[in-house]
């Protein structure tokens, strides 16, 4: 379990928006790690996967179920969201190296609607629109025996599970065939502050480029 100091910190975030602001204030790092929320709190840095897992833990402390949803791409890396529901509508929290791949207000009636809200700004550095599929939400309480909130070791069990579960298509083949590339102004707006590491191999689950 998280200790009293860690619990106080997470409770001090108060709302999903507070959790997102905490994520946004942390530097994005590019190491191929899978840190627990405890390690993220200590190191004060995270990437996509770790940010989503941290957000899920914070949501749990605030009384929400700790849910992750995986967005799957072609010719690109996955993106992981912590999702939550308010008055019957879905929202999302995320840590991202791209400007628009972060917070979503809880206004989406379905998870498909929520996933599609990321489509326009989900592209690789060649300008190709790459988002294709999304998963069902995964409740991280299933990994409580693996100490996913507090482990000092990398919690690879979580991303491995996200990679293995079924994903639903967002587009049909005709839609994929007719996709256009993202315009240059959109690319520049999305990569403000973008960090890139050309030497570190990227696990499939991390949206880093």
N, C-alpha and C. Protein backbone atom coordinates (compact mmCIF):
# COMPACT_ATOMS: atom_id res chain seq x y z
N UNK A 1 0.83 -1.21 0.00
CA UNK A 1 0.00 0.00 0.00
C UNK A 1 0.87 1.26 0.00
N UNK A 2 0.32 2.34 -0.51
CA UNK A 2 1.00 3.62 -0.43
C UNK A 2 1.10 4.06 1.02
N UNK A 3 2.17 4.76 1.36
CA UNK A 3 2.32 5.24 2.73
C UNK A 3 1.51 6.52 2.94
N UNK A 4 1.47 6.99 4.17
CA UNK A 4 0.62 8.14 4.50
C UNK A 4 1.03 9.39 3.75
N UNK A 5 2.32 9.60 3.56
CA UNK A 5 2.79 10.78 2.82
C UNK A 5 2.37 10.72 1.36
N UNK A 6 2.49 9.55 0.75
CA UNK A 6 2.09 9.39 -0.65
C UNK A 6 0.58 9.57 -0.80
N UNK A 7 -0.18 9.03 0.13
CA UNK A 7 -1.63 9.18 0.07
C UNK A 7 -2.04 10.64 0.21
N UNK A 8 -1.38 11.37 1.11
CA UNK A 8 -1.69 12.80 1.28
C UNK A 8 -1.42 13.56 -0.02
N UNK A 9 -0.32 13.23 -0.67
CA UNK A 9 0.01 13.91 -1.93
C UNK A 9 -1.06 13.66 -2.98
N UNK A 10 -1.47 12.42 -3.12
CA UNK A 10 -2.47 12.11 -4.14
C UNK A 10 -3.82 12.72 -3.80
N UNK A 11 -4.20 12.69 -2.52
CA UNK A 11 -5.46 13.31 -2.13
C UNK A 11 -5.44 14.82 -2.34
N UNK A 12 -4.27 15.41 -2.24
CA UNK A 12 -4.17 16.87 -2.42
C UNK A 12 -4.45 17.29 -3.86
N UNK A 13 -4.41 16.36 -4.79
CA UNK A 13 -4.71 16.68 -6.19
C UNK A 13 -6.21 16.89 -6.40
N UNK A 14 -7.04 16.29 -5.56
CA UNK A 14 -8.47 16.58 -5.38
C UNK A 14 -9.40 16.15 -6.51
N UNK A 15 -9.04 16.40 -7.75
CA UNK A 15 -9.93 16.14 -8.89
C UNK A 15 -9.13 15.56 -10.05
N UNK A 16 -9.80 14.98 -11.04
CA UNK A 16 -9.08 14.56 -12.24
C UNK A 16 -8.26 15.68 -12.88
N UNK A 17 -8.80 16.88 -12.91
CA UNK A 17 -8.05 18.01 -13.47
C UNK A 17 -6.78 18.26 -12.65
N UNK A 18 -6.88 18.14 -11.34
CA UNK A 18 -5.70 18.30 -10.50
C UNK A 18 -4.65 17.26 -10.79
N UNK A 19 -5.08 16.02 -11.05
CA UNK A 19 -4.13 14.97 -11.42
C UNK A 19 -3.44 15.32 -12.74
N UNK A 20 -4.22 15.78 -13.72
CA UNK A 20 -3.64 16.14 -15.02
C UNK A 20 -2.64 17.27 -14.89
N UNK A 21 -2.95 18.26 -14.07
CA UNK A 21 -2.00 19.37 -13.89
C UNK A 21 -0.70 18.89 -13.27
N UNK A 22 -0.80 17.94 -12.34
CA UNK A 22 0.40 17.36 -11.74
C UNK A 22 1.22 16.63 -12.80
N UNK A 23 0.55 15.86 -13.66
CA UNK A 23 1.25 15.17 -14.75
C UNK A 23 1.92 16.17 -15.68
N UNK A 24 1.19 17.22 -16.05
CA UNK A 24 1.74 18.20 -16.99
C UNK A 24 2.96 18.91 -16.42
N UNK A 25 3.02 19.06 -15.10
CA UNK A 25 4.13 19.78 -14.47
C UNK A 25 5.41 18.93 -14.42
N UNK A 26 5.27 17.63 -14.58
CA UNK A 26 6.44 16.75 -14.52
C UNK A 26 7.12 16.68 -15.88
N UNK A 27 8.45 16.66 -15.90
CA UNK A 27 9.15 16.45 -17.18
C UNK A 27 8.82 15.09 -17.77
N UNK A 28 8.84 15.02 -19.09
CA UNK A 28 8.64 13.76 -19.81
C UNK A 28 10.00 13.10 -19.99
N UNK A 29 10.11 11.83 -19.67
CA UNK A 29 11.39 11.14 -19.90
C UNK A 29 11.21 10.02 -20.91
N UNK A 30 12.32 9.56 -21.50
CA UNK A 30 12.28 8.64 -22.62
C UNK A 30 12.84 7.26 -22.31
N UNK A 31 13.16 7.00 -21.06
CA UNK A 31 13.76 5.71 -20.72
C UNK A 31 12.75 4.58 -20.88
N UNK A 32 13.21 3.39 -21.30
CA UNK A 32 12.32 2.23 -21.46
C UNK A 32 12.04 1.57 -20.12
N UNK A 33 11.24 2.23 -19.30
CA UNK A 33 10.94 1.77 -17.96
C UNK A 33 9.44 1.60 -17.79
N UNK A 34 9.05 0.97 -16.69
CA UNK A 34 7.64 0.83 -16.33
C UNK A 34 7.53 1.05 -14.83
N UNK A 35 7.72 2.29 -14.41
CA UNK A 35 7.74 2.62 -12.99
C UNK A 35 6.34 2.57 -12.39
N UNK A 36 6.32 2.21 -11.12
CA UNK A 36 5.08 2.27 -10.35
C UNK A 36 4.78 3.72 -9.96
N UNK A 37 3.55 4.02 -9.53
CA UNK A 37 3.24 5.37 -9.03
C UNK A 37 4.16 5.82 -7.90
N UNK A 38 4.57 4.90 -7.04
CA UNK A 38 5.50 5.28 -5.96
C UNK A 38 6.80 5.83 -6.53
N UNK A 39 7.35 5.16 -7.52
CA UNK A 39 8.62 5.61 -8.11
C UNK A 39 8.41 6.92 -8.86
N UNK A 40 7.30 7.07 -9.56
CA UNK A 40 7.02 8.32 -10.25
C UNK A 40 6.94 9.48 -9.26
N UNK A 41 6.29 9.27 -8.14
CA UNK A 41 6.21 10.31 -7.11
C UNK A 41 7.60 10.70 -6.61
N UNK A 42 8.46 9.73 -6.48
CA UNK A 42 9.81 9.99 -5.98
C UNK A 42 10.69 10.67 -7.02
N UNK A 43 10.60 10.21 -8.26
CA UNK A 43 11.47 10.73 -9.32
C UNK A 43 10.93 12.00 -9.96
N UNK A 44 9.62 12.23 -9.83
CA UNK A 44 8.97 13.43 -10.40
C UNK A 44 9.19 13.55 -11.90
N UNK A 45 9.09 12.42 -12.60
CA UNK A 45 9.13 12.39 -14.05
C UNK A 45 8.42 11.12 -14.51
N UNK A 46 7.90 11.13 -15.74
CA UNK A 46 7.18 9.96 -16.25
C UNK A 46 7.05 10.07 -17.76
N UNK A 47 6.82 8.92 -18.38
CA UNK A 47 6.42 8.92 -19.79
C UNK A 47 4.97 8.48 -19.88
N UNK A 48 4.50 8.23 -21.10
CA UNK A 48 3.08 7.93 -21.35
C UNK A 48 2.54 6.83 -20.45
N UNK A 49 3.16 5.66 -20.49
CA UNK A 49 2.68 4.52 -19.71
C UNK A 49 2.67 4.83 -18.23
N UNK A 50 3.79 5.33 -17.72
CA UNK A 50 3.90 5.61 -16.29
C UNK A 50 2.95 6.71 -15.86
N UNK A 51 2.76 7.71 -16.71
CA UNK A 51 1.82 8.77 -16.38
C UNK A 51 0.40 8.26 -16.26
N UNK A 52 0.00 7.36 -17.17
CA UNK A 52 -1.35 6.80 -17.11
C UNK A 52 -1.53 5.93 -15.88
N UNK A 53 -0.52 5.10 -15.55
CA UNK A 53 -0.62 4.26 -14.37
C UNK A 53 -0.66 5.12 -13.11
N UNK A 54 0.17 6.16 -13.07
CA UNK A 54 0.13 7.08 -11.93
C UNK A 54 -1.25 7.72 -11.80
N UNK A 55 -1.80 8.18 -12.92
CA UNK A 55 -3.13 8.82 -12.89
C UNK A 55 -4.19 7.85 -12.41
N UNK A 56 -4.10 6.58 -12.82
CA UNK A 56 -5.06 5.58 -12.36
C UNK A 56 -4.97 5.39 -10.85
N UNK A 57 -3.75 5.38 -10.32
CA UNK A 57 -3.59 5.26 -8.87
C UNK A 57 -4.17 6.46 -8.15
N UNK A 58 -3.93 7.65 -8.69
CA UNK A 58 -4.47 8.86 -8.07
C UNK A 58 -6.00 8.87 -8.14
N UNK A 59 -6.56 8.44 -9.26
CA UNK A 59 -8.01 8.33 -9.37
C UNK A 59 -8.56 7.37 -8.33
N UNK A 60 -7.86 6.28 -8.10
CA UNK A 60 -8.30 5.30 -7.11
C UNK A 60 -8.35 5.93 -5.71
N UNK A 61 -7.32 6.69 -5.37
CA UNK A 61 -7.28 7.34 -4.07
C UNK A 61 -8.45 8.33 -3.92
N UNK A 62 -8.85 8.95 -5.04
CA UNK A 62 -9.96 9.92 -5.02
C UNK A 62 -11.34 9.25 -5.13
N UNK A 63 -11.37 7.92 -5.20
CA UNK A 63 -12.65 7.23 -5.20
C UNK A 63 -13.13 6.70 -6.54
N UNK A 64 -12.35 6.87 -7.60
CA UNK A 64 -12.67 6.33 -8.91
C UNK A 64 -12.03 4.95 -9.07
N UNK A 65 -12.58 4.09 -9.91
CA UNK A 65 -11.87 2.84 -10.23
C UNK A 65 -10.61 3.16 -11.05
N UNK A 66 -9.51 2.42 -10.84
CA UNK A 66 -8.26 2.68 -11.57
C UNK A 66 -8.27 1.99 -12.93
N UNK A 67 -8.73 2.70 -13.95
CA UNK A 67 -8.94 2.12 -15.28
C UNK A 67 -7.93 2.65 -16.30
N UNK A 68 -7.36 1.75 -17.08
CA UNK A 68 -6.51 2.12 -18.21
C UNK A 68 -7.17 1.71 -19.51
N UNK A 69 -6.94 2.51 -20.55
CA UNK A 69 -7.40 2.20 -21.90
C UNK A 69 -6.22 2.39 -22.84
N UNK A 70 -6.01 1.44 -23.73
CA UNK A 70 -4.89 1.49 -24.67
C UNK A 70 -5.36 1.89 -26.05
N UNK A 71 -4.69 2.88 -26.64
CA UNK A 71 -4.90 3.27 -28.04
C UNK A 71 -3.79 2.64 -28.86
N UNK A 72 -4.16 1.92 -29.91
CA UNK A 72 -3.19 1.17 -30.71
C UNK A 72 -3.07 1.80 -32.10
N UNK A 73 -1.84 1.93 -32.58
CA UNK A 73 -1.57 2.61 -33.84
C UNK A 73 -0.82 1.71 -34.80
N UNK A 74 -0.85 2.06 -36.09
CA UNK A 74 -0.02 1.44 -37.11
C UNK A 74 1.11 2.39 -37.46
N UNK A 75 2.32 1.86 -37.62
CA UNK A 75 3.50 2.67 -37.94
C UNK A 75 3.74 3.76 -36.90
N UNK A 76 3.45 3.44 -35.66
CA UNK A 76 3.57 4.41 -34.57
C UNK A 76 3.50 3.62 -33.26
N UNK A 77 3.62 4.32 -32.15
CA UNK A 77 3.55 3.67 -30.85
C UNK A 77 2.18 3.85 -30.23
N UNK A 78 1.86 2.96 -29.29
CA UNK A 78 0.59 3.03 -28.58
C UNK A 78 0.57 4.23 -27.64
N UNK A 79 -0.62 4.57 -27.19
CA UNK A 79 -0.80 5.61 -26.18
C UNK A 79 -1.74 5.07 -25.11
N UNK A 80 -1.42 5.30 -23.85
CA UNK A 80 -2.20 4.75 -22.75
C UNK A 80 -2.89 5.89 -22.00
N UNK A 81 -4.16 5.70 -21.71
CA UNK A 81 -4.97 6.69 -20.99
C UNK A 81 -5.45 6.10 -19.67
N UNK A 82 -5.57 6.94 -18.66
CA UNK A 82 -6.36 6.61 -17.47
C UNK A 82 -7.74 7.22 -17.70
N UNK A 83 -8.76 6.40 -17.69
CA UNK A 83 -10.10 6.89 -18.01
C UNK A 83 -10.97 6.92 -16.76
N UNK A 84 -11.92 7.84 -16.75
CA UNK A 84 -12.80 8.00 -15.61
C UNK A 84 -14.17 8.44 -16.10
N UNK A 85 -15.17 8.26 -15.26
CA UNK A 85 -16.54 8.56 -15.65
C UNK A 85 -17.15 9.53 -14.65
N UNK A 86 -17.83 10.57 -15.17
CA UNK A 86 -18.56 11.54 -14.36
C UNK A 86 -19.95 11.72 -14.95
N UNK A 87 -20.96 11.47 -14.16
CA UNK A 87 -22.35 11.60 -14.60
C UNK A 87 -22.61 10.86 -15.92
N UNK A 88 -22.07 9.66 -16.01
CA UNK A 88 -22.33 8.82 -17.16
C UNK A 88 -21.50 9.09 -18.39
N UNK A 89 -20.54 10.01 -18.31
CA UNK A 89 -19.72 10.36 -19.47
C UNK A 89 -18.24 10.14 -19.16
N UNK A 90 -17.51 9.74 -20.20
CA UNK A 90 -16.11 9.38 -20.05
C UNK A 90 -15.17 10.57 -20.28
N UNK A 91 -14.11 10.61 -19.49
CA UNK A 91 -13.00 11.53 -19.70
C UNK A 91 -11.70 10.77 -19.59
N UNK A 92 -10.57 11.44 -19.81
CA UNK A 92 -9.27 10.75 -19.79
C UNK A 92 -8.17 11.65 -19.26
N UNK A 93 -7.18 11.01 -18.65
CA UNK A 93 -5.96 11.66 -18.20
C UNK A 93 -4.79 10.99 -18.91
N UNK A 94 -3.76 11.76 -19.27
CA UNK A 94 -2.63 11.15 -19.97
C UNK A 94 -1.40 12.03 -19.87
N UNK A 95 -0.25 11.39 -19.91
CA UNK A 95 1.04 12.06 -20.04
C UNK A 95 1.51 11.82 -21.47
N UNK A 96 1.85 12.88 -22.19
CA UNK A 96 2.21 12.69 -23.59
C UNK A 96 3.32 13.64 -24.01
N UNK A 97 4.08 13.18 -25.00
CA UNK A 97 5.11 13.97 -25.65
C UNK A 97 4.50 14.83 -26.76
N UNK A 98 3.19 14.68 -26.99
CA UNK A 98 2.47 15.46 -27.98
C UNK A 98 1.43 16.32 -27.27
N UNK A 99 1.23 17.53 -27.76
CA UNK A 99 0.39 18.50 -27.08
C UNK A 99 -1.04 18.03 -26.88
N UNK A 100 -1.66 17.48 -27.92
CA UNK A 100 -3.08 17.18 -27.85
C UNK A 100 -3.45 15.80 -27.33
N UNK A 101 -2.47 14.99 -27.00
CA UNK A 101 -2.74 13.61 -26.58
C UNK A 101 -2.82 13.48 -25.06
N UNK A 102 -3.39 14.49 -24.41
CA UNK A 102 -3.43 14.49 -22.95
C UNK A 102 -4.87 14.45 -22.43
N UNK A 103 -5.29 15.45 -21.70
CA UNK A 103 -6.56 15.43 -20.98
C UNK A 103 -7.77 15.50 -21.90
N UNK A 104 -8.84 14.81 -21.50
CA UNK A 104 -10.14 14.93 -22.14
C UNK A 104 -11.19 15.16 -21.06
N UNK A 105 -12.02 16.16 -21.26
CA UNK A 105 -13.13 16.42 -20.35
C UNK A 105 -14.10 15.23 -20.37
N UNK A 106 -14.78 14.96 -19.26
CA UNK A 106 -15.74 13.85 -19.22
C UNK A 106 -17.06 14.22 -19.91
N UNK A 107 -17.01 14.26 -21.24
CA UNK A 107 -18.19 14.63 -22.04
C UNK A 107 -18.52 13.57 -23.10
N UNK A 108 -17.77 12.46 -23.12
CA UNK A 108 -17.93 11.46 -24.18
C UNK A 108 -18.86 10.35 -23.72
N UNK A 109 -19.86 10.05 -24.54
CA UNK A 109 -20.88 9.07 -24.16
C UNK A 109 -20.35 7.65 -24.16
N UNK A 110 -19.39 7.37 -25.03
CA UNK A 110 -18.84 6.02 -25.14
C UNK A 110 -17.32 6.09 -25.19
N UNK A 111 -16.68 4.95 -24.93
CA UNK A 111 -15.22 4.89 -25.04
C UNK A 111 -14.77 5.03 -26.49
N UNK A 112 -15.60 4.60 -27.43
CA UNK A 112 -15.26 4.80 -28.84
C UNK A 112 -15.21 6.29 -29.17
N UNK A 113 -16.18 7.05 -28.71
CA UNK A 113 -16.16 8.50 -28.92
C UNK A 113 -14.89 9.10 -28.31
N UNK A 114 -14.56 8.67 -27.10
CA UNK A 114 -13.37 9.18 -26.43
C UNK A 114 -12.12 8.85 -27.25
N UNK A 115 -12.00 7.60 -27.69
CA UNK A 115 -10.83 7.21 -28.48
C UNK A 115 -10.74 8.02 -29.77
N UNK A 116 -11.87 8.23 -30.44
CA UNK A 116 -11.86 8.99 -31.70
C UNK A 116 -11.47 10.44 -31.50
N UNK A 117 -11.64 10.97 -30.29
CA UNK A 117 -11.25 12.36 -30.04
C UNK A 117 -9.74 12.55 -30.18
N UNK A 118 -8.99 11.46 -30.14
CA UNK A 118 -7.53 11.54 -30.31
C UNK A 118 -7.10 11.35 -31.76
N UNK A 119 -8.02 11.00 -32.65
CA UNK A 119 -7.63 10.61 -33.99
C UNK A 119 -6.94 11.74 -34.75
N UNK A 120 -7.51 12.93 -34.73
CA UNK A 120 -7.01 14.02 -35.57
C UNK A 120 -5.57 14.40 -35.23
N UNK A 121 -5.20 14.28 -33.95
CA UNK A 121 -3.86 14.72 -33.56
C UNK A 121 -2.96 13.53 -33.21
N UNK A 122 -3.31 12.36 -33.71
CA UNK A 122 -2.49 11.16 -33.48
C UNK A 122 -1.81 10.83 -34.80
N UNK A 123 -0.52 11.17 -34.90
CA UNK A 123 0.20 10.97 -36.15
C UNK A 123 1.67 10.73 -35.85
N UNK A 124 2.37 10.15 -36.80
CA UNK A 124 3.81 9.97 -36.64
C UNK A 124 4.53 11.17 -37.27
N UNK A 125 5.85 11.17 -37.16
CA UNK A 125 6.60 12.34 -37.62
C UNK A 125 6.71 12.43 -39.14
N UNK A 126 6.11 11.48 -39.84
CA UNK A 126 5.96 11.61 -41.31
C UNK A 126 4.62 12.23 -41.66
N UNK A 127 3.84 12.57 -40.63
CA UNK A 127 2.54 13.19 -40.86
C UNK A 127 1.43 12.22 -41.18
N UNK A 128 1.67 10.92 -41.01
CA UNK A 128 0.66 9.91 -41.28
C UNK A 128 -0.29 9.78 -40.08
N UNK A 129 -1.58 9.73 -40.34
CA UNK A 129 -2.57 9.53 -39.28
C UNK A 129 -2.56 8.05 -38.92
N UNK A 130 -2.23 7.74 -37.67
CA UNK A 130 -1.85 6.36 -37.35
C UNK A 130 -2.79 5.63 -36.38
N UNK A 131 -3.68 6.32 -35.70
CA UNK A 131 -4.53 5.66 -34.72
C UNK A 131 -5.51 4.72 -35.41
N UNK A 132 -5.59 3.48 -34.92
CA UNK A 132 -6.43 2.47 -35.58
C UNK A 132 -7.39 1.73 -34.64
N UNK A 133 -6.99 1.47 -33.40
CA UNK A 133 -7.77 0.60 -32.53
C UNK A 133 -7.73 1.08 -31.09
N UNK A 134 -8.66 0.58 -30.29
CA UNK A 134 -8.69 0.89 -28.87
C UNK A 134 -9.11 -0.34 -28.09
N UNK A 135 -8.72 -0.41 -26.83
CA UNK A 135 -9.04 -1.56 -25.99
C UNK A 135 -10.25 -1.26 -25.11
N UNK A 136 -10.75 -2.28 -24.47
CA UNK A 136 -11.68 -2.10 -23.36
C UNK A 136 -10.88 -1.58 -22.16
N UNK A 137 -11.55 -0.94 -21.21
CA UNK A 137 -10.80 -0.48 -20.02
C UNK A 137 -10.33 -1.66 -19.18
N UNK A 138 -9.14 -1.54 -18.64
CA UNK A 138 -8.55 -2.55 -17.77
C UNK A 138 -8.52 -1.99 -16.35
N UNK A 139 -9.15 -2.70 -15.43
CA UNK A 139 -9.14 -2.28 -14.02
C UNK A 139 -7.86 -2.79 -13.38
N UNK A 140 -7.02 -1.88 -12.91
CA UNK A 140 -5.71 -2.27 -12.39
C UNK A 140 -5.78 -2.98 -11.05
N UNK A 141 -6.95 -3.06 -10.44
CA UNK A 141 -7.04 -3.85 -9.21
C UNK A 141 -6.67 -5.31 -9.47
N UNK A 142 -6.77 -5.76 -10.72
CA UNK A 142 -6.38 -7.13 -11.06
C UNK A 142 -4.89 -7.36 -10.82
N UNK A 143 -4.11 -6.28 -10.72
CA UNK A 143 -2.67 -6.39 -10.50
C UNK A 143 -2.26 -6.01 -9.08
N UNK A 144 -3.22 -5.97 -8.18
CA UNK A 144 -2.88 -5.63 -6.79
C UNK A 144 -1.88 -6.60 -6.20
N UNK A 145 -1.97 -7.88 -6.58
CA UNK A 145 -1.03 -8.86 -6.05
C UNK A 145 0.38 -8.62 -6.57
N UNK A 146 0.50 -7.87 -7.66
CA UNK A 146 1.81 -7.52 -8.22
C UNK A 146 2.33 -6.19 -7.67
N UNK A 147 1.58 -5.61 -6.74
CA UNK A 147 1.98 -4.34 -6.10
C UNK A 147 2.25 -3.25 -7.13
N UNK A 148 1.30 -3.11 -8.06
CA UNK A 148 1.48 -2.15 -9.16
C UNK A 148 1.58 -0.71 -8.69
N UNK A 149 1.04 -0.39 -7.53
CA UNK A 149 1.09 0.98 -7.04
C UNK A 149 2.39 1.32 -6.32
N UNK A 150 3.09 0.30 -5.81
CA UNK A 150 4.21 0.58 -4.91
C UNK A 150 5.50 -0.15 -5.25
N UNK A 151 5.52 -0.99 -6.24
CA UNK A 151 6.69 -1.80 -6.53
C UNK A 151 7.92 -0.94 -6.85
N UNK A 152 9.07 -1.38 -6.36
CA UNK A 152 10.33 -0.72 -6.70
C UNK A 152 10.90 -1.27 -8.01
N UNK A 153 10.32 -2.35 -8.49
CA UNK A 153 10.74 -2.94 -9.76
C UNK A 153 9.80 -2.48 -10.87
N UNK A 154 10.26 -2.56 -12.11
CA UNK A 154 9.41 -2.24 -13.25
C UNK A 154 8.18 -3.15 -13.26
N UNK A 155 7.02 -2.58 -13.49
CA UNK A 155 5.78 -3.34 -13.47
C UNK A 155 5.36 -3.70 -14.91
N UNK A 156 6.19 -4.49 -15.56
CA UNK A 156 5.94 -4.85 -16.95
C UNK A 156 4.66 -5.65 -17.12
N UNK A 157 4.16 -6.23 -16.05
CA UNK A 157 2.92 -7.01 -16.15
C UNK A 157 1.77 -6.16 -16.70
N UNK A 158 1.78 -4.86 -16.42
CA UNK A 158 0.69 -4.00 -16.90
C UNK A 158 0.79 -3.76 -18.41
N UNK A 159 1.90 -3.24 -18.94
CA UNK A 159 1.94 -3.05 -20.40
C UNK A 159 1.86 -4.34 -21.18
N UNK A 160 2.40 -5.43 -20.63
CA UNK A 160 2.29 -6.71 -21.32
C UNK A 160 0.82 -7.11 -21.49
N UNK A 161 0.04 -6.88 -20.44
CA UNK A 161 -1.39 -7.19 -20.52
C UNK A 161 -2.08 -6.30 -21.55
N UNK A 162 -1.74 -5.02 -21.57
CA UNK A 162 -2.35 -4.09 -22.53
C UNK A 162 -2.04 -4.50 -23.97
N UNK A 163 -0.85 -5.02 -24.18
CA UNK A 163 -0.48 -5.46 -25.53
C UNK A 163 -1.23 -6.71 -25.94
N UNK A 164 -1.59 -7.55 -24.98
CA UNK A 164 -2.17 -8.86 -25.29
C UNK A 164 -3.69 -8.85 -25.45
N UNK A 165 -4.38 -7.89 -24.87
CA UNK A 165 -5.84 -7.92 -24.89
C UNK A 165 -6.38 -7.50 -26.26
N UNK A 166 -7.61 -7.91 -26.59
CA UNK A 166 -8.20 -7.52 -27.88
C UNK A 166 -8.39 -6.00 -27.97
N UNK A 167 -8.29 -5.49 -29.19
CA UNK A 167 -8.54 -4.09 -29.49
C UNK A 167 -9.60 -4.00 -30.59
N UNK A 168 -10.47 -3.02 -30.49
CA UNK A 168 -11.54 -2.82 -31.47
C UNK A 168 -11.11 -1.80 -32.52
N UNK A 169 -11.47 -2.03 -33.80
CA UNK A 169 -11.09 -1.09 -34.85
C UNK A 169 -11.88 0.21 -34.76
N UNK A 170 -11.22 1.31 -35.07
CA UNK A 170 -11.86 2.62 -35.14
C UNK A 170 -12.23 2.99 -36.57
N UNK A 171 -11.55 2.41 -37.55
CA UNK A 171 -11.76 2.75 -38.96
C UNK A 171 -12.00 1.49 -39.76
N UNK A 172 -12.71 1.62 -40.87
CA UNK A 172 -12.83 0.50 -41.79
C UNK A 172 -11.75 0.62 -42.88
N UNK A 173 -11.51 -0.45 -43.67
CA UNK A 173 -10.43 -0.40 -44.66
C UNK A 173 -10.53 0.74 -45.66
N UNK A 174 -11.74 1.08 -46.09
CA UNK A 174 -11.91 2.17 -47.05
C UNK A 174 -11.49 3.51 -46.43
N UNK A 175 -11.83 3.72 -45.16
CA UNK A 175 -11.43 4.95 -44.48
C UNK A 175 -9.92 5.04 -44.36
N UNK A 176 -9.29 3.92 -44.01
CA UNK A 176 -7.83 3.91 -43.89
C UNK A 176 -7.18 4.24 -45.24
N UNK A 177 -7.70 3.66 -46.30
CA UNK A 177 -7.13 3.87 -47.63
C UNK A 177 -7.17 5.33 -48.05
N UNK A 178 -8.19 6.07 -47.62
CA UNK A 178 -8.39 7.44 -48.09
C UNK A 178 -7.88 8.51 -47.12
N UNK A 179 -7.13 8.11 -46.10
CA UNK A 179 -6.63 9.08 -45.15
C UNK A 179 -5.63 10.03 -45.79
N UNK A 180 -5.69 11.29 -45.39
CA UNK A 180 -4.71 12.29 -45.83
C UNK A 180 -3.65 12.47 -44.75
N UNK A 181 -2.57 13.10 -45.13
CA UNK A 181 -1.52 13.40 -44.16
C UNK A 181 -1.87 14.67 -43.39
N UNK A 182 -1.30 14.78 -42.21
CA UNK A 182 -1.50 15.95 -41.37
C UNK A 182 -0.75 17.14 -41.95
N UNK A 183 -1.36 18.31 -41.92
CA UNK A 183 -0.69 19.50 -42.46
C UNK A 183 0.42 19.97 -41.53
N UNK A 184 1.37 20.71 -42.09
CA UNK A 184 2.55 21.12 -41.35
C UNK A 184 2.26 21.96 -40.12
N UNK A 185 1.26 22.83 -40.19
CA UNK A 185 0.96 23.68 -39.04
C UNK A 185 0.46 22.86 -37.86
N UNK A 186 -0.35 21.83 -38.15
CA UNK A 186 -0.81 20.94 -37.08
C UNK A 186 0.36 20.19 -36.47
N UNK A 187 1.26 19.71 -37.32
CA UNK A 187 2.44 19.01 -36.82
C UNK A 187 3.22 19.90 -35.87
N UNK A 188 3.49 21.13 -36.29
CA UNK A 188 4.28 22.04 -35.46
C UNK A 188 3.58 22.36 -34.14
N UNK A 189 2.27 22.50 -34.18
CA UNK A 189 1.55 22.77 -32.95
C UNK A 189 1.58 21.62 -31.98
N UNK A 190 1.57 20.40 -32.51
CA UNK A 190 1.52 19.22 -31.65
C UNK A 190 2.88 18.85 -31.06
N UNK A 191 3.98 19.27 -31.69
CA UNK A 191 5.29 18.85 -31.20
C UNK A 191 6.01 19.94 -30.42
N UNK A 192 5.26 20.93 -29.95
CA UNK A 192 5.86 21.94 -29.07
C UNK A 192 6.40 21.24 -27.83
N UNK A 193 7.69 21.40 -27.56
CA UNK A 193 8.30 20.75 -26.41
C UNK A 193 8.58 19.27 -26.58
N UNK A 194 8.37 18.76 -27.80
CA UNK A 194 8.58 17.33 -28.06
C UNK A 194 10.01 16.91 -27.77
N UNK A 195 10.15 15.77 -27.09
CA UNK A 195 11.46 15.21 -26.81
C UNK A 195 11.65 13.94 -27.62
N UNK A 196 12.84 13.79 -28.19
CA UNK A 196 13.09 12.61 -29.02
C UNK A 196 14.44 12.03 -28.67
N UNK A 197 14.48 10.70 -28.62
CA UNK A 197 15.73 9.99 -28.36
C UNK A 197 15.90 8.97 -29.46
N UNK A 198 16.89 9.20 -30.32
CA UNK A 198 17.07 8.33 -31.47
C UNK A 198 17.90 7.09 -31.16
N UNK A 199 18.40 6.97 -29.93
CA UNK A 199 19.29 5.87 -29.61
C UNK A 199 18.63 4.80 -28.76
N UNK A 200 17.53 5.14 -28.07
CA UNK A 200 16.89 4.19 -27.17
C UNK A 200 15.76 3.45 -27.88
N UNK A 201 15.83 2.10 -27.96
CA UNK A 201 14.71 1.36 -28.56
C UNK A 201 13.42 1.64 -27.79
N UNK A 202 12.31 1.71 -28.53
CA UNK A 202 11.04 2.06 -27.90
C UNK A 202 10.14 0.83 -27.78
N UNK A 203 9.79 0.42 -26.58
CA UNK A 203 8.80 -0.64 -26.44
C UNK A 203 7.49 -0.23 -27.12
N UNK A 204 6.76 -1.21 -27.61
CA UNK A 204 5.55 -0.95 -28.38
C UNK A 204 4.56 -0.08 -27.64
N UNK A 205 4.49 -0.19 -26.34
CA UNK A 205 3.42 0.45 -25.59
C UNK A 205 3.63 1.95 -25.39
N UNK A 206 4.84 2.45 -25.61
CA UNK A 206 5.12 3.86 -25.28
C UNK A 206 4.88 4.76 -26.48
N UNK A 207 4.09 5.81 -26.30
CA UNK A 207 3.93 6.81 -27.35
C UNK A 207 4.95 7.90 -27.10
N UNK A 208 6.13 7.79 -27.75
CA UNK A 208 7.22 8.71 -27.52
C UNK A 208 7.60 9.49 -28.77
N UNK A 209 7.15 9.07 -29.94
CA UNK A 209 7.57 9.78 -31.14
C UNK A 209 6.37 10.17 -31.98
